[in-house]
Structures are given as C-alpha cells and as structure tokens.
C-alpha atoms as a PDB file:
ATOM      1  CA  MET A   1      -0.254   0.240   0.050  1.00  0.00           C
ATOM      2  CA  GLY A   2       1.033   3.852  -0.532  1.00  0.00           C
ATOM      3  CA  VAL A   3       3.025   5.272  -3.712  1.00  0.00           C
ATOM      4  CA  GLU A   4       6.943   5.389  -4.058  1.00  0.00           C
ATOM      5  CA  ARG A   5       8.313   8.193  -2.438  1.00  0.00           C
ATOM      6  CA  ALA A   6      10.263   9.379  -5.057  1.00  0.00           C
ATOM      7  CA  LEU A   7       6.960  10.080  -7.160  1.00  0.00           C
ATOM      8  CA  ILE A   8       5.976  12.037  -4.625  1.00  0.00           C
ATOM      9  CA  ALA A   9       8.748  13.817  -3.976  1.00  0.00           C
ATOM     10  CA  GLU A  10       8.632  15.070  -7.546  1.00  0.00           C
ATOM     11  CA  TRP A  11       4.451  15.607  -7.605  1.00  0.00           C
ATOM     12  CA  THR A  12       5.166  18.274  -4.516  1.00  0.00           C
ATOM     13  CA  ALA A  13       7.639  19.837  -5.939  1.00  0.00           C
ATOM     14  CA  GLY A  14       6.159  20.294  -9.139  1.00  0.00           C
ATOM     15  CA  TRP A  15       2.872  21.231  -6.842  1.00  0.00           C
ATOM     16  CA  ALA A  16       4.504  23.857  -4.870  1.00  0.00           C
ATOM     17  CA  ILE A  17       5.918  25.437  -8.223  1.00  0.00           C
ATOM     18  CA  SER A  18       2.714  25.293 -10.222  1.00  0.00           C
ATOM     19  CA  ARG A  19       1.012  27.237  -6.939  1.00  0.00           C
ATOM     20  CA  GLY A  20       4.104  29.692  -6.025  1.00  0.00           C
ATOM     21  CA  LYS A  21       4.869  28.072  -2.590  1.00  0.00           C
ATOM     22  CA  PRO A  22       7.985  27.077  -0.980  1.00  0.00           C
ATOM     23  CA  ALA A  23       9.882  24.244  -1.739  1.00  0.00           C
ATOM     24  CA  PRO A  24       8.548  20.915   0.234  1.00  0.00           C
ATOM     25  CA  VAL A  25      10.646  20.127   2.929  1.00  0.00           C
ATOM     26  CA  PRO A  26      11.266  16.307   3.351  1.00  0.00           C
ATOM     27  CA  VAL A  27       9.783  15.183   7.274  1.00  0.00           C
ATOM     28  CA  HIS A  28       8.982  12.105   8.950  1.00  0.00           C
ATOM     29  CA  GLY A  29       9.324  10.210   5.174  1.00  0.00           C
ATOM     30  CA  GLY A  30       7.170  12.376   3.629  1.00  0.00           C
ATOM     31  CA  PHE A  31       6.880  16.144   2.759  1.00  0.00           C
ATOM     32  CA  TYR A  32       5.814  19.461   4.567  1.00  0.00           C
ATOM     33  CA  LEU A  33       4.322  22.531   2.084  1.00  0.00           C
ATOM     34  CA  LEU A  34       3.747  25.678   3.448  1.00  0.00           C
ATOM     35  CA  ASP A  35       0.007  26.977   1.588  1.00  0.00           C
ATOM     36  CA  GLY A  36      -0.401  30.069   3.640  1.00  0.00           C
ATOM     37  CA  ARG A  37      -3.833  30.509   2.620  1.00  0.00           C
ATOM     38  CA  PRO A  38      -6.550  30.729   5.251  1.00  0.00           C
ATOM     39  CA  GLN A  39      -8.104  27.658   5.094  1.00  0.00           C
ATOM     40  CA  GLN A  40      -4.911  25.413   3.796  1.00  0.00           C
ATOM     41  CA  LYS A  41      -2.405  27.255   6.081  1.00  0.00           C
ATOM     42  CA  ALA A  42      -0.019  24.009   5.747  1.00  0.00           C
ATOM     43  CA  ARG A  43       0.396  20.229   4.402  1.00  0.00           C
ATOM     44  CA  TYR A  44       2.095  17.307   5.272  1.00  0.00           C
ATOM     45  CA  VAL A  45       1.958  14.981   2.194  1.00  0.00           C
ATOM     46  CA  PHE A  46       2.917  11.491   2.875  1.00  0.00           C
ATOM     47  CA  PRO A  47       3.706   8.254   0.422  1.00  0.00           C
ATOM     48  CA  GLU A  48       2.229   5.841   2.407  1.00  0.00           C
ATOM     49  CA  LEU A  49       0.492   5.789   6.030  1.00  0.00           C
ATOM     50  CA  ARG A  50       2.262   5.239   9.303  1.00  0.00           C
ATOM     51  CA  GLU A  51       0.187   4.886  12.202  1.00  0.00           C
ATOM     52  CA  GLU A  52       3.044   6.550  14.622  1.00  0.00           C
ATOM     53  CA  VAL A  53       3.592   9.687  12.493  1.00  0.00           C
ATOM     54  CA  VAL A  54      -0.492  10.089  12.477  1.00  0.00           C
ATOM     55  CA  ARG A  55      -0.657  10.074  15.770  1.00  0.00           C
ATOM     56  CA  GLU A  56       2.622  12.123  16.939  1.00  0.00           C
ATOM     57  CA  LEU A  57       1.390  14.893  14.583  1.00  0.00           C
ATOM     58  CA  THR A  58      -2.618  14.877  15.516  1.00  0.00           C
ATOM     59  CA  ALA A  59      -1.058  14.974  18.667  1.00  0.00           C
ATOM     60  CA  ALA A  60       0.659  18.375  18.167  1.00  0.00           C
ATOM     61  CA  ILE A  61      -1.220  20.534  15.774  1.00  0.00           C
ATOM     62  CA  ASP A  62      -3.977  21.987  17.217  1.00  0.00           C
ATOM     63  CA  GLU A  63      -4.582  24.538  15.263  1.00  0.00           C
ATOM     64  CA  PRO A  64      -7.756  24.185  12.343  1.00  0.00           C
ATOM     65  CA  PHE A  65      -6.416  23.582   8.608  1.00  0.00           C
ATOM     66  CA  VAL A  66      -3.250  21.744   8.654  1.00  0.00           C
ATOM     67  CA  TYR A  67      -3.532  19.075   6.591  1.00  0.00           C
ATOM     68  CA  LEU A  68      -2.310  15.325   6.686  1.00  0.00           C
ATOM     69  CA  LYS A  69      -2.255  14.379   3.197  1.00  0.00           C
ATOM     70  CA  ILE A  70      -1.448  10.527   3.087  1.00  0.00           C
ATOM     71  CA  CYS A  71      -1.897   8.167   0.298  1.00  0.00           C
ATOM     72  CA  ALA A  72      -4.388   5.302   2.083  1.00  0.00           C
ATOM     73  CA  PRO A  73      -7.938   4.950   2.103  1.00  0.00           C
ATOM     74  CA  ARG A  74     -10.018   6.969   4.204  1.00  0.00           C
ATOM     75  CA  ALA A  75     -11.082   3.999   6.305  1.00  0.00           C
ATOM     76  CA  ALA A  76      -7.603   2.815   7.454  1.00  0.00           C
ATOM     77  CA  VAL A  77      -6.625   6.662   8.369  1.00  0.00           C
ATOM     78  CA  ALA A  78      -9.648   7.475  10.416  1.00  0.00           C
ATOM     79  CA  PRO A  79      -9.659   5.410  13.082  1.00  0.00           C
ATOM     80  CA  LEU A  80      -6.374   7.192  13.813  1.00  0.00           C
ATOM     81  CA  LEU A  81      -7.690  10.544  14.730  1.00  0.00           C
ATOM     82  CA  PRO A  82      -8.604  12.278  17.319  1.00  0.00           C
ATOM     83  CA  ALA A  83     -12.054  13.488  17.662  1.00  0.00           C
ATOM     84  CA  ALA A  84     -11.451  16.779  16.823  1.00  0.00           C
ATOM     85  CA  TRP A  85     -10.419  15.831  13.240  1.00  0.00           C
ATOM     86  CA  ARG A  86     -11.910  15.738  10.316  1.00  0.00           C
ATOM     87  CA  ILE A  87     -11.838  13.713   6.809  1.00  0.00           C
ATOM     88  CA  ALA A  88     -12.138  16.018   3.551  1.00  0.00           C
ATOM     89  CA  ASP A  89     -13.801  14.970   0.292  1.00  0.00           C
ATOM     90  CA  PRO A  90     -12.075  11.651  -0.990  1.00  0.00           C
ATOM     91  CA  GLY A  91      -8.892  12.068  -3.061  1.00  0.00           C
ATOM     92  CA  PHE A  92      -6.956  10.173  -5.767  1.00  0.00           C
ATOM     93  CA  ILE A  93      -3.061   9.829  -6.738  1.00  0.00           C
ATOM     94  CA  MET A  94      -3.867   9.282 -10.254  1.00  0.00           C
ATOM     95  CA  THR A  95      -1.218   8.424 -13.210  1.00  0.00           C
ATOM     96  CA  ALA A  96      -0.446   8.242 -17.208  1.00  0.00           C
ATOM     97  CA  GLY A  97       1.791   6.889 -19.168  1.00  0.00           C
ATOM     98  CA  ALA A  98       2.659   8.459 -22.877  1.00  0.00           C
ATOM     99  CA  PRO A  99       0.119   7.420 -25.188  1.00  0.00           C
ATOM    100  CA  ALA A 100      -2.729   8.468 -22.588  1.00  0.00           C
ATOM    101  CA  LEU A 101      -1.034  11.923 -22.565  1.00  0.00           C
ATOM    102  CA  ASP A 102      -0.333  12.354 -26.191  1.00  0.00           C
ATOM    103  CA  GLY A 103      -4.118  10.678 -27.225  1.00  0.00           C
ATOM    104  CA  PRO A 104      -5.847  13.084 -30.064  1.00  0.00           C
ATOM    105  CA  GLY A 105      -8.080  15.830 -29.311  1.00  0.00           C
ATOM    106  CA  ALA A 106      -9.389  18.920 -30.161  1.00  0.00           C
ATOM    107  CA  MET A 107     -10.997  22.546 -28.525  1.00  0.00           C
ATOM    108  CA  PRO A 108     -14.710  22.397 -28.513  1.00  0.00           C
ATOM    109  CA  GLU A 109     -16.189  24.564 -31.053  1.00  0.00           C
ATOM    110  CA  GLY A 110     -17.026  28.585 -30.444  1.00  0.00           C
ATOM    111  CA  HIS A 111     -13.529  27.960 -28.073  1.00  0.00           C
ATOM    112  CA  VAL A 112      -9.688  28.901 -28.008  1.00  0.00           C
ATOM    113  CA  ALA A 113      -6.747  28.011 -25.677  1.00  0.00           C
ATOM    114  CA  SER A 114      -4.037  29.482 -25.159  1.00  0.00           C
ATOM    115  CA  LEU A 115      -0.178  28.398 -23.496  1.00  0.00           C
ATOM    116  CA  ARG A 116       1.875  30.669 -21.274  1.00  0.00           C
ATOM    117  CA  GLU A 117       5.182  29.873 -19.690  1.00  0.00           C
ATOM    118  CA  GLU A 118       6.347  31.613 -16.803  1.00  0.00           C
ATOM    119  CA  GLY A 119       8.457  30.543 -13.639  1.00  0.00           C
ATOM    120  CA  GLY A 120       8.287  26.830 -14.969  1.00  0.00           C
ATOM    121  CA  VAL A 121       4.473  26.516 -15.131  1.00  0.00           C
ATOM    122  CA  ILE A 122       3.258  25.992 -18.119  1.00  0.00           C
ATOM    123  CA  ALA A 123      -0.540  27.418 -18.401  1.00  0.00           C
ATOM    124  CA  LEU A 124      -3.361  26.744 -20.663  1.00  0.00           C
ATOM    125  CA  ALA A 125      -6.211  29.398 -20.511  1.00  0.00           C
ATOM    126  CA  VAL A 126      -9.378  28.112 -22.848  1.00  0.00           C
ATOM    127  CA  ALA A 127     -11.706  31.352 -23.390  1.00  0.00           C
ATOM    128  CA  ASP A 128     -15.219  31.688 -25.398  1.00  0.00           C
ATOM    129  CA  GLU A 129     -16.084  33.543 -28.264  1.00  0.00           C
ATOM    130  CA  ALA A 130     -16.491  36.567 -26.323  1.00  0.00           C
ATOM    131  CA  GLY A 131     -13.171  36.226 -24.105  1.00  0.00           C
ATOM    132  CA  ALA A 132     -14.412  35.603 -21.068  1.00  0.00           C
ATOM    133  CA  PRO A 133     -12.709  32.387 -19.325  1.00  0.00           C
ATOM    134  CA  ALA A 134     -14.051  28.944 -19.620  1.00  0.00           C
ATOM    135  CA  ALA A 135     -11.591  26.738 -18.998  1.00  0.00           C
ATOM    136  CA  ARG A 136      -7.784  26.110 -17.023  1.00  0.00           C
ATOM    137  CA  GLY A 137      -5.351  23.970 -16.265  1.00  0.00           C
ATOM    138  CA  ARG A 138      -1.257  23.987 -14.992  1.00  0.00           C
ATOM    139  CA  LEU A 139       1.937  21.874 -15.937  1.00  0.00           C
ATOM    140  CA  VAL A 140       5.481  21.308 -14.472  1.00  0.00           C
ATOM    141  CA  LEU A 141       7.959  19.280 -15.567  1.00  0.00           C
ATOM    142  CA  ARG A 142      10.339  17.209 -13.282  1.00  0.00           C
ATOM    143  CA  GLY A 143      12.644  15.675 -15.712  1.00  0.00           C
ATOM    144  CA  GLY A 144      10.338  12.972 -17.624  1.00  0.00           C
ATOM    145  CA  LEU A 145       7.394  13.463 -14.955  1.00  0.00           C
ATOM    146  CA  ALA A 146       4.628  15.908 -16.112  1.00  0.00           C
ATOM    147  CA  VAL A 147       2.719  17.512 -12.708  1.00  0.00           C
ATOM    148  CA  PHE A 148      -0.685  18.380 -13.860  1.00  0.00           C
ATOM    149  CA  ASP A 149      -2.553  20.933 -12.035  1.00  0.00           C
ATOM    150  CA  GLN A 150      -6.156  23.229 -11.818  1.00  0.00           C
ATOM    151  CA  ILE A 151      -7.404  21.529 -14.129  1.00  0.00           C
ATOM    152  CA  GLU A 152     -10.785  22.900 -14.079  1.00  0.00           C
ATOM    153  CA  THR A 153     -14.082  23.985 -16.084  1.00  0.00           C
ATOM    154  CA  GLU A 154     -15.785  27.496 -14.890  1.00  0.00           C
ATOM    155  CA  GLU A 155     -19.844  26.831 -14.249  1.00  0.00           C
ATOM    156  CA  GLY A 156     -20.992  27.536 -17.112  1.00  0.00           C
ATOM    157  CA  HIS A 157     -19.007  26.186 -19.656  1.00  0.00           C
ATOM    158  CA  ARG A 158     -18.840  22.488 -18.208  1.00  0.00           C
ATOM    159  CA  ARG A 159     -20.369  19.422 -19.915  1.00  0.00           C
ATOM    160  CA  ARG A 160     -18.980  20.221 -22.948  1.00  0.00           C
ATOM    161  CA  GLY A 161     -15.742  18.340 -23.084  1.00  0.00           C
ATOM    162  CA  LEU A 162     -13.401  21.388 -22.591  1.00  0.00           C
ATOM    163  CA  GLY A 163     -12.086  19.326 -19.222  1.00  0.00           C
ATOM    164  CA  SER A 164     -10.883  16.342 -21.668  1.00  0.00           C
ATOM    165  CA  ALA A 165      -9.914  19.011 -24.295  1.00  0.00           C
ATOM    166  CA  VAL A 166      -7.915  20.772 -21.389  1.00  0.00           C
ATOM    167  CA  MET A 167      -5.712  17.718 -20.414  1.00  0.00           C
ATOM    168  CA  ARG A 168      -5.288  16.390 -24.552  1.00  0.00           C
ATOM    169  CA  ALA A 169      -3.769  19.942 -24.784  1.00  0.00           C
ATOM    170  CA  LEU A 170      -1.472  19.572 -21.441  1.00  0.00           C
ATOM    171  CA  GLY A 171      -0.065  15.894 -22.244  1.00  0.00           C
ATOM    172  CA  ALA A 172       0.562  16.912 -26.061  1.00  0.00           C
ATOM    173  CA  GLU A 173       2.579  19.912 -24.973  1.00  0.00           C
ATOM    174  CA  ALA A 174       4.609  17.565 -22.197  1.00  0.00           C
ATOM    175  CA  THR A 175       5.263  14.814 -25.080  1.00  0.00           C
ATOM    176  CA  ARG A 176       6.851  17.335 -26.642  1.00  0.00           C
ATOM    177  CA  ARG A 177       8.908  18.575 -23.754  1.00  0.00           C
ATOM    178  CA  GLY A 178      10.116  14.738 -23.158  1.00  0.00           C
ATOM    179  CA  ALA A 179       7.656  13.670 -20.575  1.00  0.00           C
ATOM    180  CA  GLY A 180       7.086   9.809 -20.498  1.00  0.00           C
ATOM    181  CA  ARG A 181       4.255  10.074 -17.255  1.00  0.00           C
ATOM    182  CA  GLY A 182       2.387  11.819 -15.872  1.00  0.00           C
ATOM    183  CA  ILE A 183       0.765  12.477 -12.192  1.00  0.00           C
ATOM    184  CA  LEU A 184      -2.400  14.369 -10.333  1.00  0.00           C
ATOM    185  CA  VAL A 185      -4.663  14.305  -7.823  1.00  0.00           C
ATOM    186  CA  ALA A 186      -8.286  13.628  -8.478  1.00  0.00           C
ATOM    187  CA  THR A 187     -11.619  14.363  -7.080  1.00  0.00           C
ATOM    188  CA  GLU A 188     -14.251  11.963  -7.272  1.00  0.00           C
ATOM    189  CA  MET A 189     -15.522  13.849  -9.871  1.00  0.00           C
ATOM    190  CA  GLY A 190     -12.499  14.195 -11.910  1.00  0.00           C
ATOM    191  CA  ARG A 191     -11.346  10.646 -11.227  1.00  0.00           C
ATOM    192  CA  ALA A 192     -13.718   9.330 -13.701  1.00  0.00           C
ATOM    193  CA  LEU A 193     -12.980  12.140 -16.633  1.00  0.00           C
ATOM    194  CA  TYR A 194      -9.571  11.319 -16.293  1.00  0.00           C
ATOM    195  CA  ALA A 195     -10.176   7.301 -16.361  1.00  0.00           C
ATOM    196  CA  ARG A 196     -12.148   7.911 -19.825  1.00  0.00           C
ATOM    197  CA  LEU A 197      -8.511   9.346 -20.825  1.00  0.00           C
ATOM    198  CA  GLY A 198      -6.223   6.443 -19.771  1.00  0.00           C
ATOM    199  CA  TRP A 199      -5.115   7.712 -16.439  1.00  0.00           C
ATOM    200  CA  GLU A 200      -5.141   4.917 -13.777  1.00  0.00           C
ATOM    201  CA  SER A 201      -5.625   5.218  -9.871  1.00  0.00           C
ATOM    202  CA  LEU A 202      -2.623   5.162  -8.066  1.00  0.00           C
ATOM    203  CA  SER A 203      -3.806   5.124  -4.576  1.00  0.00           C
ATOM    204  CA  ASP A 204      -6.394   6.961  -2.840  1.00  0.00           C
ATOM    205  CA  TYR A 205      -5.356  10.210  -0.768  1.00  0.00           C
ATOM    206  CA  THR A 206      -7.045  10.813   2.023  1.00  0.00           C
ATOM    207  CA  SER A 207      -6.898  14.617   4.353  1.00  0.00           C
ATOM    208  CA  ALA A 208      -7.573  14.895   7.255  1.00  0.00           C
ATOM    209  CA  PHE A 209      -7.890  18.530   9.314  1.00  0.00           C
ATOM    210  CA  ILE A 210      -8.730  20.342  12.388  1.00  0.00           C
ATOM    211  CA  PRO A 211     -12.054  22.393  11.224  1.00  0.00           C
ATOM    212  CA  GLY A 212     -12.468  26.497  11.677  1.00  0.00           C
END
C-alpha cells in the first residue's frame, strides 16, 4: 500500500512550483509544504500510512487547516484521528503513460486555447467566443514526469468536453517536451473523466484536518 516516495517527492515539488509556494521540506518520511491560505495553512504529504507519524502529528497540531494528506484509504486513516479531526472529500493519486497523455483531441467549437509559460509553469487558458474564461490547467515538468494541476472548467461551460480538451492539450505539450508519465490528484468527479482519458488510479489520497 502507498506510493513510491520518489514519485511523491517530484509531485510535491511540482505542486509547489505550480502554486508559487516554497519547496517541500522532507519530514517523517514525507514532505511538509507551507500553503499560507486561510483554509489551507500548510500540509504534510505522506507516500504511505504510518500510524506512529499520524499519532505524533495529530497530538502536536492544534490549529485549524493544517492538513495531513496520506496515500491511503479513508477507512485506514480515520481510526487514527483524534475527535477534533475531520476527513475531507476523497481524492485519488492518478498517473498516465505517454500514450494516454498524447491522445487525440481538439478544443470544442467556439473556444480558443492559449499557452503561457512563466517560472517553470506552463499555463493553459481557454476562452469562449466573447473572450470570457471557460477552462484552465497548469503543467510543471520534473524531468520525465509531468505534474498536472488546477484543471478547472467554469460552471457555465461544463459538459462541453472542455476538461478533456484541456487535458489533451497539456498532455500533448508534456510529451512534446519529453515527458513520459503524468501525475495528478483527482476528485471523485475528476477521477471518472481522467479514467476515460486513459489515466489510472495509483492510490487513495486521504486529507485530514481540524476544521475552523
């Protein structure tokens, strides 16, 4: 159970670059990332569940919105948490090889995509005919690994194939630059979309925190 630590190391490093956050710090066999948002102050990311680490950190953390994020099922994490802690909506670590990344695809009619690169982040923005934002996604390359982040479609533009189109466009860019594997964290809804595109679930990704 769990995920290879080296893979999580590269993914957390890519996530930090994508979000403009400090680089991850190794701790307790996992990684600490400072986030800084009111409801996402910081996060500890672990490639596997270790009971002693969870008990040590939950005993030490007493402020809201400092997350423990663990590559393990909810049912395994929940019994280790003190009463004040809660578990967020389920997440899933997903990966894809080059064939899935570089599949065919085009923007839905009436939408235009643009790519911009800055500070190691490749950002894709999709607009409708009126120029209004419709969808977006970000990509960070870590050697041969492509870290996908913030794949989002605006509420009024959903169910038009934009999510798939964004993934295809970013995947094509990743393979063009030499990436052979992609990684992301999916929500329950997103997991179904990515699975249709050839992505595979590598692990459950359980997030625990003290609510505000």
